C-alpha atoms as a PDB file:
ATOM      1  CA  UNK A   1       0.000   0.000   0.000  1.00  0.00           C
ATOM      2  CA  UNK A   2       1.150   3.511  -0.788  1.00  0.00           C
ATOM      3  CA  UNK A   3      -0.185   6.792   0.590  1.00  0.00           C
ATOM      4  CA  UNK A   4      -1.758   9.119  -1.987  1.00  0.00           C
ATOM      5  CA  UNK A   5      -0.024  12.489  -1.639  1.00  0.00           C
ATOM      6  CA  UNK A   6      -1.496  14.292  -4.636  1.00  0.00           C
ATOM      7  CA  UNK A   7      -4.147  13.737  -7.245  1.00  0.00           C
ATOM      8  CA  UNK A   8      -5.100  15.870 -10.193  1.00  0.00           C
ATOM      9  CA  UNK A   9      -7.411  15.350 -13.111  1.00  0.00           C
ATOM     10  CA  UNK A  10      -7.150  15.755 -16.841  1.00  0.00           C
ATOM     11  CA  UNK A  11     -10.009  15.919 -19.311  1.00  0.00           C
ATOM     12  CA  UNK A  12      -9.011  14.100 -22.480  1.00  0.00           C
ATOM     13  CA  UNK A  13     -10.075  15.031 -26.022  1.00  0.00           C
ATOM     14  CA  UNK A  14     -12.967  12.552 -25.874  1.00  0.00           C
ATOM     15  CA  UNK A  15     -14.197  14.276 -22.645  1.00  0.00           C
ATOM     16  CA  UNK A  16     -13.246  11.295 -20.471  1.00  0.00           C
ATOM     17  CA  UNK A  17     -11.656  12.176 -17.139  1.00  0.00           C
ATOM     18  CA  UNK A  18      -8.313  10.759 -16.062  1.00  0.00           C
ATOM     19  CA  UNK A  19      -7.011  10.927 -12.489  1.00  0.00           C
ATOM     20  CA  UNK A  20      -3.248  11.351 -12.162  1.00  0.00           C
ATOM     21  CA  UNK A  21      -2.136  10.027  -8.775  1.00  0.00           C
ATOM     22  CA  UNK A  22       1.201  10.434  -7.000  1.00  0.00           C
ATOM     23  CA  UNK A  23       2.055   8.506  -3.878  1.00  0.00           C
ATOM     24  CA  UNK A  24       4.471   8.960  -0.989  1.00  0.00           C
ATOM     25  CA  UNK A  25       7.971   8.024  -1.942  1.00  0.00           C
ATOM     26  CA  UNK A  26       7.473   8.532  -5.678  1.00  0.00           C
ATOM     27  CA  UNK A  27      10.272  10.534  -7.245  1.00  0.00           C
ATOM     28  CA  UNK A  28       9.154  13.730  -8.953  1.00  0.00           C
ATOM     29  CA  UNK A  29      10.085  12.306 -12.334  1.00  0.00           C
ATOM     30  CA  UNK A  30       8.591   8.828 -11.771  1.00  0.00           C
ATOM     31  CA  UNK A  31       5.487   7.628 -13.540  1.00  0.00           C
ATOM     32  CA  UNK A  32       2.287   8.421 -11.666  1.00  0.00           C
ATOM     33  CA  UNK A  33      -0.699   6.069 -11.441  1.00  0.00           C
ATOM     34  CA  UNK A  34      -3.363   6.789 -14.074  1.00  0.00           C
ATOM     35  CA  UNK A  35      -6.978   5.792 -13.370  1.00  0.00           C
ATOM     36  CA  UNK A  36     -10.155   6.697 -15.219  1.00  0.00           C
ATOM     37  CA  UNK A  37     -13.061   8.389 -13.476  1.00  0.00           C
ATOM     38  CA  UNK A  38     -15.094   5.199 -14.054  1.00  0.00           C
ATOM     39  CA  UNK A  39     -12.470   3.092 -12.271  1.00  0.00           C
ATOM     40  CA  UNK A  40     -12.465   5.400  -9.253  1.00  0.00           C
ATOM     41  CA  UNK A  41     -16.265   5.632  -9.161  1.00  0.00           C
ATOM     42  CA  UNK A  42     -16.504   1.836  -9.207  1.00  0.00           C
ATOM     43  CA  UNK A  43     -13.957   1.515  -6.387  1.00  0.00           C
ATOM     44  CA  UNK A  44     -15.194   4.159  -3.971  1.00  0.00           C
ATOM     45  CA  UNK A  45     -18.209   6.045  -5.334  1.00  0.00           C
ATOM     46  CA  UNK A  46     -16.528   9.363  -6.098  1.00  0.00           C
ATOM     47  CA  UNK A  47     -17.721  10.699  -9.441  1.00  0.00           C
ATOM     48  CA  UNK A  48     -15.554  13.827  -9.327  1.00  0.00           C
ATOM     49  CA  UNK A  49     -13.606  15.911  -6.784  1.00  0.00           C
ATOM     50  CA  UNK A  50     -10.962  13.184  -6.657  1.00  0.00           C
ATOM     51  CA  UNK A  51      -8.732  15.381  -4.490  1.00  0.00           C
ATOM     52  CA  UNK A  52     -10.706  13.909  -1.575  1.00  0.00           C
ATOM     53  CA  UNK A  53      -8.629  10.753  -2.084  1.00  0.00           C
ATOM     54  CA  UNK A  54      -5.511  12.518  -0.823  1.00  0.00           C
ATOM     55  CA  UNK A  55      -4.472  10.616   2.282  1.00  0.00           C
ATOM     56  CA  UNK A  56      -6.012   7.322   1.135  1.00  0.00           C
ATOM     57  CA  UNK A  57      -3.895   4.212   0.640  1.00  0.00           C
ATOM     58  CA  UNK A  58      -3.690   2.600  -2.789  1.00  0.00           C
ATOM     59  CA  UNK A  59      -2.332  -0.736  -3.920  1.00  0.00           C
ATOM     60  CA  UNK A  60      -1.797  -1.240  -7.661  1.00  0.00           C
ATOM     61  CA  UNK A  61      -0.998  -4.303  -9.758  1.00  0.00           C
ATOM     62  CA  UNK A  62       0.166  -3.690 -13.321  1.00  0.00           C
ATOM     63  CA  UNK A  63       0.009  -5.841 -16.426  1.00  0.00           C
ATOM     64  CA  UNK A  64       3.281  -7.477 -17.383  1.00  0.00           C
ATOM     65  CA  UNK A  65       4.799  -7.640 -20.845  1.00  0.00           C
ATOM     66  CA  UNK A  66       3.195 -10.439 -22.843  1.00  0.00           C
ATOM     67  CA  UNK A  67      -0.063 -10.555 -20.866  1.00  0.00           C
ATOM     68  CA  UNK A  68      -3.326 -10.079 -22.759  1.00  0.00           C
ATOM     69  CA  UNK A  69      -5.694  -7.181 -22.137  1.00  0.00           C
ATOM     70  CA  UNK A  70      -9.467  -7.694 -22.080  1.00  0.00           C
ATOM     71  CA  UNK A  71      -9.505  -6.416 -25.669  1.00  0.00           C
ATOM     72  CA  UNK A  72      -7.132  -9.214 -26.659  1.00  0.00           C
ATOM     73  CA  UNK A  73      -4.196  -6.868 -27.294  1.00  0.00           C
ATOM     74  CA  UNK A  74      -0.814  -7.941 -25.950  1.00  0.00           C
ATOM     75  CA  UNK A  75       0.923  -5.741 -23.384  1.00  0.00           C
ATOM     76  CA  UNK A  76       4.283  -4.470 -24.664  1.00  0.00           C
ATOM     77  CA  UNK A  77       5.720  -2.846 -21.503  1.00  0.00           C
ATOM     78  CA  UNK A  78       5.787  -3.806 -17.827  1.00  0.00           C
ATOM     79  CA  UNK A  79       4.277  -1.513 -15.217  1.00  0.00           C
ATOM     80  CA  UNK A  80       2.366   0.888 -17.473  1.00  0.00           C
ATOM     81  CA  UNK A  81      -1.246  -0.340 -17.529  1.00  0.00           C
ATOM     82  CA  UNK A  82      -3.170  -0.847 -14.281  1.00  0.00           C
ATOM     83  CA  UNK A  83      -4.531  -4.389 -14.004  1.00  0.00           C
ATOM     84  CA  UNK A  84      -6.072  -4.142 -10.538  1.00  0.00           C
ATOM     85  CA  UNK A  85      -6.101  -1.657  -7.710  1.00  0.00           C
ATOM     86  CA  UNK A  86      -7.676  -1.229  -4.337  1.00  0.00           C
ATOM     87  CA  UNK A  87      -8.191   1.819  -2.194  1.00  0.00           C
ATOM     88  CA  UNK A  88      -8.298   2.043   1.563  1.00  0.00           C
ATOM     89  CA  UNK A  89     -10.157   5.227   2.318  1.00  0.00           C
ATOM     90  CA  UNK A  90      -9.485   7.431   5.349  1.00  0.00           C
ATOM     91  CA  UNK A  91     -12.201   7.307   8.034  1.00  0.00           C
ATOM     92  CA  UNK A  92     -13.664  10.619   6.830  1.00  0.00           C
ATOM     93  CA  UNK A  93     -14.587   9.002   3.492  1.00  0.00           C
ATOM     94  CA  UNK A  94     -16.022   5.705   4.720  1.00  0.00           C
ATOM     95  CA  UNK A  95     -19.595   6.990   4.285  1.00  0.00           C
ATOM     96  CA  UNK A  96     -18.960   7.689   0.615  1.00  0.00           C
ATOM     97  CA  UNK A  97     -17.941   4.096   0.000  1.00  0.00           C
ATOM     98  CA  UNK A  98     -20.983   2.794   1.889  1.00  0.00           C
ATOM     99  CA  UNK A  99     -23.315   5.006  -0.168  1.00  0.00           C
ATOM    100  CA  UNK A 100     -21.641   3.823  -3.382  1.00  0.00           C
ATOM    101  CA  UNK A 101     -22.417   0.243  -2.431  1.00  0.00           C
ATOM    102  CA  UNK A 102     -26.080   1.204  -2.664  1.00  0.00           C
ATOM    103  CA  UNK A 103     -25.670   2.870  -6.052  1.00  0.00           C
ATOM    104  CA  UNK A 104     -25.322   6.491  -4.973  1.00  0.00           C
ATOM    105  CA  UNK A 105     -22.810   8.659  -6.813  1.00  0.00           C
ATOM    106  CA  UNK A 106     -21.156  11.064  -4.438  1.00  0.00           C
ATOM    107  CA  UNK A 107     -19.628  14.471  -5.115  1.00  0.00           C
END
């Protein structure tokens, strides 16, 4: 698990939202963790205002070179595409996750 120290968002050309996450101990020039808004919403119920995740813990598993994506494409680089992740939210956000379990979209 790594502590999320900063999170910012980027709106891509197709209007999809990408969260750019940095964690404690990451060098300034290291690759951040990229998650889509849909991935975050599915994990914790936040539909925007992702800065609330600062202080949460995140654990990420990446695809390895040679593995197949859901689309059938083969991964060409290690550690670039998120395969699985889990978030451990701070106590102040536990209610958001509980509401998401019942289908509510928060913030």
